[in-house]
Amino acid sequence: MSFQNRSTEDLVRIAGAGAGFRLDAAGRPVDDLVRIADAASDWGVRLVFAGVTSLSTDDLVKIAEAGEGSVEFEG
């Protein structure tokens, strides 16, 4: 199942409901990724954000902090 075409609001709802998923995060705003990661942290579900090699270290840290251990990055 591809989550690429789902809105940020939908992804926040899905993660907030306790489901983990893999997302090609390339091109998504960092603030959106932070919101999704924060929603996942409530349940401790695993999110995999792929395609994040263009993000700065500061952005990756911001996302990781919001996810509180729920986020994994792939190149």
PDB file of N, CA and C in Angstrom:
ATOM      1  N   MET A   1       0.846  -1.177   0.000  1.00  0.00           N
ATOM      2  CA  MET A   1       0.000   0.000   0.000  1.00  0.00           C
ATOM      3  C   MET A   1       0.889   1.236   0.000  1.00  0.00           C
ATOM      4  N   SER A   2       0.602   2.154  -0.868  1.00  0.00           N
ATOM      5  CA  SER A   2       1.376   3.381  -0.942  1.00  0.00           C
ATOM      6  C   SER A   2       0.687   4.491  -0.143  1.00  0.00           C
ATOM      7  N   PHE A   3       1.484   5.153   0.663  1.00  0.00           N
ATOM      8  CA  PHE A   3       0.969   6.260   1.452  1.00  0.00           C
ATOM      9  C   PHE A   3       1.364   7.604   0.855  1.00  0.00           C
ATOM     10  N   GLN A   4       2.076   7.567  -0.245  1.00  0.00           N
ATOM     11  CA  GLN A   4       2.622   8.766  -0.863  1.00  0.00           C
ATOM     12  C   GLN A   4       1.547   9.795  -1.223  1.00  0.00           C
ATOM     13  N   ASN A   5       0.402   9.347  -1.691  1.00  0.00           N
ATOM     14  CA  ASN A   5      -0.630  10.266  -2.156  1.00  0.00           C
ATOM     15  C   ASN A   5      -1.606  10.692  -1.071  1.00  0.00           C
ATOM     16  N   ARG A   6      -1.395  10.225   0.130  1.00  0.00           N
ATOM     17  CA  ARG A   6      -2.294  10.607   1.227  1.00  0.00           C
ATOM     18  C   ARG A   6      -1.879  11.972   1.775  1.00  0.00           C
ATOM     19  N   SER A   7      -2.859  12.702   2.240  1.00  0.00           N
ATOM     20  CA  SER A   7      -2.581  14.025   2.802  1.00  0.00           C
ATOM     21  C   SER A   7      -1.886  13.881   4.155  1.00  0.00           C
ATOM     22  N   THR A   8      -1.245  14.958   4.569  1.00  0.00           N
ATOM     23  CA  THR A   8      -0.611  14.968   5.884  1.00  0.00           C
ATOM     24  C   THR A   8      -1.647  14.712   6.969  1.00  0.00           C
ATOM     25  N   GLU A   9      -2.814  15.314   6.824  1.00  0.00           N
ATOM     26  CA  GLU A   9      -3.879  15.113   7.820  1.00  0.00           C
ATOM     27  C   GLU A   9      -4.238  13.633   7.939  1.00  0.00           C
ATOM     28  N   ASP A  10      -4.348  12.953   6.789  1.00  0.00           N
ATOM     29  CA  ASP A  10      -4.660  11.523   6.814  1.00  0.00           C
ATOM     30  C   ASP A  10      -3.551  10.729   7.493  1.00  0.00           C
ATOM     31  N   LEU A  11      -2.308  11.065   7.191  1.00  0.00           N
ATOM     32  CA  LEU A  11      -1.185  10.334   7.777  1.00  0.00           C
ATOM     33  C   LEU A  11      -1.093  10.561   9.284  1.00  0.00           C
ATOM     34  N   VAL A  12      -1.384  11.772   9.717  1.00  0.00           N
ATOM     35  CA  VAL A  12      -1.413  12.055  11.157  1.00  0.00           C
ATOM     36  C   VAL A  12      -2.510  11.224  11.825  1.00  0.00           C
ATOM     37  N   ARG A  13      -3.650  11.144  11.200  1.00  0.00           N
ATOM     38  CA  ARG A  13      -4.752  10.346  11.755  1.00  0.00           C
ATOM     39  C   ARG A  13      -4.392   8.873  11.825  1.00  0.00           C
ATOM     40  N   ILE A  14      -3.765   8.352  10.777  1.00  0.00           N
ATOM     41  CA  ILE A  14      -3.396   6.933  10.733  1.00  0.00           C
ATOM     42  C   ILE A  14      -2.370   6.625  11.821  1.00  0.00           C
ATOM     43  N   ALA A  15      -1.317   7.443  11.907  1.00  0.00           N
ATOM     44  CA  ALA A  15      -0.293   7.232  12.938  1.00  0.00           C
ATOM     45  C   ALA A  15      -0.878   7.430  14.329  1.00  0.00           C
ATOM     46  N   GLY A  16      -1.757   8.416  14.464  1.00  0.00           N
ATOM     47  CA  GLY A  16      -2.387   8.690  15.752  1.00  0.00           C
ATOM     48  C   GLY A  16      -3.317   7.582  16.212  1.00  0.00           C
ATOM     49  N   ALA A  17      -3.770   6.779  15.261  1.00  0.00           N
ATOM     50  CA  ALA A  17      -4.634   5.644  15.593  1.00  0.00           C
ATOM     51  C   ALA A  17      -3.825   4.407  15.976  1.00  0.00           C
ATOM     52  N   GLY A  18      -2.492   4.505  15.833  1.00  0.00           N
ATOM     53  CA  GLY A  18      -1.640   3.403  16.269  1.00  0.00           C
ATOM     54  C   GLY A  18      -1.073   2.538  15.169  1.00  0.00           C
ATOM     55  N   ALA A  19      -1.124   2.988  13.926  1.00  0.00           N
ATOM     56  CA  ALA A  19      -0.589   2.196  12.823  1.00  0.00           C
ATOM     57  C   ALA A  19       0.743   2.765  12.349  1.00  0.00           C
ATOM     58  N   GLY A  20       1.705   1.904  12.145  1.00  0.00           N
ATOM     59  CA  GLY A  20       2.984   2.302  11.586  1.00  0.00           C
ATOM     60  C   GLY A  20       2.971   2.109  10.077  1.00  0.00           C
ATOM     61  N   PHE A  21       3.880   2.771   9.394  1.00  0.00           N
ATOM     62  CA  PHE A  21       3.959   2.648   7.942  1.00  0.00           C
ATOM     63  C   PHE A  21       5.283   3.205   7.442  1.00  0.00           C
ATOM     64  N   ARG A  22       5.551   2.933   6.166  1.00  0.00           N
ATOM     65  CA  ARG A  22       6.724   3.461   5.472  1.00  0.00           C
ATOM     66  C   ARG A  22       6.233   4.540   4.521  1.00  0.00           C
ATOM     67  N   LEU A  23       6.944   5.662   4.497  1.00  0.00           N
ATOM     68  CA  LEU A  23       6.546   6.799   3.674  1.00  0.00           C
ATOM     69  C   LEU A  23       7.745   7.339   2.919  1.00  0.00           C
ATOM     70  N   ASP A  24       7.583   7.525   1.614  1.00  0.00           N
ATOM     71  CA  ASP A  24       8.595   8.240   0.851  1.00  0.00           C
ATOM     72  C   ASP A  24       8.397   9.715   1.181  1.00  0.00           C
ATOM     73  N   ALA A  25       9.270  10.233   2.017  1.00  0.00           N
ATOM     74  CA  ALA A  25       9.110  11.579   2.562  1.00  0.00           C
ATOM     75  C   ALA A  25       9.708  12.672   1.685  1.00  0.00           C
ATOM     76  N   ALA A  26      10.341  12.295   0.600  1.00  0.00           N
ATOM     77  CA  ALA A  26      10.961  13.287  -0.288  1.00  0.00           C
ATOM     78  C   ALA A  26       9.915  14.280  -0.765  1.00  0.00           C
ATOM     79  N   GLY A  27      10.226  15.555  -0.612  1.00  0.00           N
ATOM     80  CA  GLY A  27       9.338  16.601  -1.078  1.00  0.00           C
ATOM     81  C   GLY A  27       8.279  17.032  -0.073  1.00  0.00           C
ATOM     82  N   ARG A  28       8.145  16.309   1.016  1.00  0.00           N
ATOM     83  CA  ARG A  28       7.175  16.720   2.051  1.00  0.00           C
ATOM     84  C   ARG A  28       7.838  17.751   2.958  1.00  0.00           C
ATOM     85  N   PRO A  29       7.099  18.758   3.366  1.00  0.00           N
ATOM     86  CA  PRO A  29       7.658  19.752   4.283  1.00  0.00           C
ATOM     87  C   PRO A  29       8.066  19.121   5.617  1.00  0.00           C
ATOM     88  N   VAL A  30       9.149  19.614   6.174  1.00  0.00           N
ATOM     89  CA  VAL A  30       9.654  19.091   7.442  1.00  0.00           C
ATOM     90  C   VAL A  30       8.594  19.208   8.536  1.00  0.00           C
ATOM     91  N   ASP A  31       7.867  20.312   8.560  1.00  0.00           N
ATOM     92  CA  ASP A  31       6.828  20.485   9.584  1.00  0.00           C
ATOM     93  C   ASP A  31       5.765  19.396   9.489  1.00  0.00           C
ATOM     94  N   ASP A  32       5.444  18.947   8.281  1.00  0.00           N
ATOM     95  CA  ASP A  32       4.488  17.855   8.113  1.00  0.00           C
ATOM     96  C   ASP A  32       5.051  16.554   8.678  1.00  0.00           C
ATOM     97  N   LEU A  33       6.319  16.291   8.402  1.00  0.00           N
ATOM     98  CA  LEU A  33       6.952  15.073   8.915  1.00  0.00           C
ATOM     99  C   LEU A  33       7.015  15.089  10.436  1.00  0.00           C
ATOM    100  N   VAL A  34       7.249  16.263  10.999  1.00  0.00           N
ATOM    101  CA  VAL A  34       7.258  16.406  12.460  1.00  0.00           C
ATOM    102  C   VAL A  34       5.877  16.081  13.020  1.00  0.00           C
ATOM    103  N   ARG A  35       4.834  16.575  12.396  1.00  0.00           N
ATOM    104  CA  ARG A  35       3.468  16.301  12.869  1.00  0.00           C
ATOM    105  C   ARG A  35       3.138  14.817  12.816  1.00  0.00           C
ATOM    106  N   ILE A  36       3.544  14.154  11.740  1.00  0.00           N
ATOM    107  CA  ILE A  36       3.285  12.723  11.591  1.00  0.00           C
ATOM    108  C   ILE A  36       4.070  11.944  12.646  1.00  0.00           C
ATOM    109  N   ALA A  37       5.333  12.306  12.826  1.00  0.00           N
ATOM    110  CA  ALA A  37       6.176  11.635  13.823  1.00  0.00           C
ATOM    111  C   ALA A  37       5.624  11.823  15.228  1.00  0.00           C
ATOM    112  N   ASP A  38       5.160  13.022  15.524  1.00  0.00           N
ATOM    113  CA  ASP A  38       4.590  13.296  16.838  1.00  0.00           C
ATOM    114  C   ASP A  38       3.358  12.428  17.096  1.00  0.00           C
ATOM    115  N   ALA A  39       2.521  12.265  16.085  1.00  0.00           N
ATOM    116  CA  ALA A  39       1.334  11.419  16.234  1.00  0.00           C
ATOM    117  C   ALA A  39       1.723   9.963  16.498  1.00  0.00           C
ATOM    118  N   ALA A  40       2.774   9.493  15.836  1.00  0.00           N
ATOM    119  CA  ALA A  40       3.222   8.110  16.031  1.00  0.00           C
ATOM    120  C   ALA A  40       3.803   7.900  17.420  1.00  0.00           C
ATOM    121  N   SER A  41       4.397   8.935  17.977  1.00  0.00           N
ATOM    122  CA  SER A  41       5.042   8.791  19.287  1.00  0.00           C
ATOM    123  C   SER A  41       4.034   8.498  20.390  1.00  0.00           C
ATOM    124  N   ASP A  42       2.787   8.881  20.202  1.00  0.00           N
ATOM    125  CA  ASP A  42       1.758   8.605  21.208  1.00  0.00           C
ATOM    126  C   ASP A  42       1.573   7.104  21.429  1.00  0.00           C
ATOM    127  N   TRP A  43       1.780   6.323  20.371  1.00  0.00           N
ATOM    128  CA  TRP A  43       1.597   4.871  20.437  1.00  0.00           C
ATOM    129  C   TRP A  43       2.913   4.110  20.402  1.00  0.00           C
ATOM    130  N   GLY A  44       3.982   4.792  20.031  1.00  0.00           N
ATOM    131  CA  GLY A  44       5.267   4.112  19.893  1.00  0.00           C
ATOM    132  C   GLY A  44       5.330   3.225  18.661  1.00  0.00           C
ATOM    133  N   VAL A  45       4.513   3.522  17.658  1.00  0.00           N
ATOM    134  CA  VAL A  45       4.523   2.724  16.431  1.00  0.00           C
ATOM    135  C   VAL A  45       5.727   3.101  15.574  1.00  0.00           C
ATOM    136  N   ARG A  46       6.128   2.215  14.703  1.00  0.00           N
ATOM    137  CA  ARG A  46       7.294   2.423  13.866  1.00  0.00           C
ATOM    138  C   ARG A  46       6.917   3.112  12.563  1.00  0.00           C
ATOM    139  N   LEU A  47       7.575   4.240  12.303  1.00  0.00           N
ATOM    140  CA  LEU A  47       7.465   4.935  11.027  1.00  0.00           C
ATOM    141  C   LEU A  47       8.814   4.859  10.340  1.00  0.00           C
ATOM    142  N   VAL A  48       8.789   4.602   9.054  1.00  0.00           N
ATOM    143  CA  VAL A  48      10.007   4.639   8.255  1.00  0.00           C
ATOM    144  C   VAL A  48       9.833   5.760   7.240  1.00  0.00           C
ATOM    145  N   PHE A  49      10.695   6.768   7.345  1.00  0.00           N
ATOM    146  CA  PHE A  49      10.699   7.870   6.390  1.00  0.00           C
ATOM    147  C   PHE A  49      11.860   7.653   5.428  1.00  0.00           C
ATOM    148  N   ALA A  50      11.529   7.396   4.176  1.00  0.00           N
ATOM    149  CA  ALA A  50      12.540   7.167   3.144  1.00  0.00           C
ATOM    150  C   ALA A  50      12.746   8.443   2.335  1.00  0.00           C
ATOM    151  N   GLY A  51      13.868   8.513   1.629  1.00  0.00           N
ATOM    152  CA  GLY A  51      14.128   9.635   0.743  1.00  0.00           C
ATOM    153  C   GLY A  51      14.432  10.930   1.455  1.00  0.00           C
ATOM    154  N   VAL A  52      15.111  10.839   2.589  1.00  0.00           N
ATOM    155  CA  VAL A  52      15.354  12.029   3.403  1.00  0.00           C
ATOM    156  C   VAL A  52      16.807  12.525   3.317  1.00  0.00           C
ATOM    157  N   THR A  53      17.569  12.044   2.346  1.00  0.00           N
ATOM    158  CA  THR A  53      18.982  12.408   2.272  1.00  0.00           C
ATOM    159  C   THR A  53      19.206  13.892   2.018  1.00  0.00           C
ATOM    160  N   SER A  54      18.223  14.575   1.465  1.00  0.00           N
ATOM    161  CA  SER A  54      18.396  16.002   1.198  1.00  0.00           C
ATOM    162  C   SER A  54      18.100  16.874   2.419  1.00  0.00           C
ATOM    163  N   LEU A  55      17.549  16.291   3.472  1.00  0.00           N
ATOM    164  CA  LEU A  55      17.242  17.066   4.677  1.00  0.00           C
ATOM    165  C   LEU A  55      18.503  17.333   5.486  1.00  0.00           C
ATOM    166  N   SER A  56      18.523  18.456   6.145  1.00  0.00           N
ATOM    167  CA  SER A  56      19.672  18.789   6.990  1.00  0.00           C
ATOM    168  C   SER A  56      19.661  17.938   8.256  1.00  0.00           C
ATOM    169  N   THR A  57      20.810  17.884   8.912  1.00  0.00           N
ATOM    170  CA  THR A  57      20.898  17.174  10.180  1.00  0.00           C
ATOM    171  C   THR A  57      19.941  17.772  11.198  1.00  0.00           C
ATOM    172  N   ASP A  58      19.838  19.087  11.224  1.00  0.00           N
ATOM    173  CA  ASP A  58      18.913  19.742  12.154  1.00  0.00           C
ATOM    174  C   ASP A  58      17.471  19.311  11.901  1.00  0.00           C
ATOM    175  N   ASP A  59      17.087  19.203  10.636  1.00  0.00           N
ATOM    176  CA  ASP A  59      15.734  18.759  10.313  1.00  0.00           C
ATOM    177  C   ASP A  59      15.508  17.311  10.738  1.00  0.00           C
ATOM    178  N   LEU A  60      16.483  16.449  10.494  1.00  0.00           N
ATOM    179  CA  LEU A  60      16.361  15.046  10.895  1.00  0.00           C
ATOM    180  C   LEU A  60      16.240  14.920  12.411  1.00  0.00           C
ATOM    181  N   VAL A  61      17.012  15.709  13.139  1.00  0.00           N
ATOM    182  CA  VAL A  61      16.935  15.688  14.602  1.00  0.00           C
ATOM    183  C   VAL A  61      15.568  16.169  15.066  1.00  0.00           C
ATOM    184  N   LYS A  62      15.050  17.196  14.449  1.00  0.00           N
ATOM    185  CA  LYS A  62      13.733  17.733  14.803  1.00  0.00           C
ATOM    186  C   LYS A  62      12.645  16.660  14.621  1.00  0.00           C
ATOM    187  N   ILE A  63      12.706  15.948  13.511  1.00  0.00           N
ATOM    188  CA  ILE A  63      11.745  14.877  13.241  1.00  0.00           C
ATOM    189  C   ILE A  63      11.918  13.742  14.246  1.00  0.00           C
ATOM    190  N   ALA A  64      13.166  13.354  14.480  1.00  0.00           N
ATOM    191  CA  ALA A  64      13.441  12.262  15.420  1.00  0.00           C
ATOM    192  C   ALA A  64      12.977  12.604  16.829  1.00  0.00           C
ATOM    193  N   GLU A  65      13.206  13.816  17.259  1.00  0.00           N
ATOM    194  CA  GLU A  65      12.764  14.228  18.594  1.00  0.00           C
ATOM    195  C   GLU A  65      11.248  14.162  18.714  1.00  0.00           C
ATOM    196  N   ALA A  66      10.545  14.589  17.678  1.00  0.00           N
ATOM    197  CA  ALA A  66       9.085  14.531  17.701  1.00  0.00           C
ATOM    198  C   ALA A  66       8.594  13.092  17.760  1.00  0.00           C
ATOM    199  N   GLY A  67       9.329  12.185  17.115  1.00  0.00           N
ATOM    200  CA  GLY A  67       8.926  10.784  17.074  1.00  0.00           C
ATOM    201  C   GLY A  67       9.264   9.998  18.316  1.00  0.00           C
ATOM    202  N   GLU A  68      10.136  10.536  19.157  1.00  0.00           N
ATOM    203  CA  GLU A  68      10.490   9.896  20.432  1.00  0.00           C
ATOM    204  C   GLU A  68      10.794   8.401  20.268  1.00  0.00           C
ATOM    205  N   GLY A  69      11.623   8.075  19.284  1.00  0.00           N
ATOM    206  CA  GLY A  69      12.032   6.682  19.079  1.00  0.00           C
ATOM    207  C   GLY A  69      11.189   5.909  18.099  1.00  0.00           C
ATOM    208  N   SER A  70      10.175   6.529  17.531  1.00  0.00           N
ATOM    209  CA  SER A  70       9.273   5.835  16.604  1.00  0.00           C
ATOM    210  C   SER A  70       9.702   5.939  15.144  1.00  0.00           C
ATOM    211  N   VAL A  71      10.688   6.795  14.860  1.00  0.00           N
ATOM    212  CA  VAL A  71      11.050   7.080  13.467  1.00  0.00           C
ATOM    213  C   VAL A  71      12.367   6.430  13.090  1.00  0.00           C
ATOM    214  N   GLU A  72      12.362   5.845  11.902  1.00  0.00           N
ATOM    215  CA  GLU A  72      13.577   5.306  11.289  1.00  0.00           C
ATOM    216  C   GLU A  72      13.742   5.993   9.945  1.00  0.00           C
ATOM    217  N   PHE A  73      14.987   6.352   9.605  1.00  0.00           N
ATOM    218  CA  PHE A  73      15.260   7.015   8.330  1.00  0.00           C
ATOM    219  C   PHE A  73      15.935   6.070   7.360  1.00  0.00           C
ATOM    220  N   GLU A  74      15.545   6.181   6.093  1.00  0.00           N
ATOM    221  CA  GLU A  74      16.198   5.477   4.987  1.00  0.00           C
ATOM    222  C   GLU A  74      16.612   6.516   3.960  1.00  0.00           C
ATOM    223  N   GLY A  75      17.721   6.269   3.292  1.00  0.00           N
ATOM    224  CA  GLY A  75      18.233   7.184   2.290  1.00  0.00           C
ATOM    225  C   GLY A  75      17.398   7.341   1.088  1.00  0.00           C
TER     226      GLY A  75
END
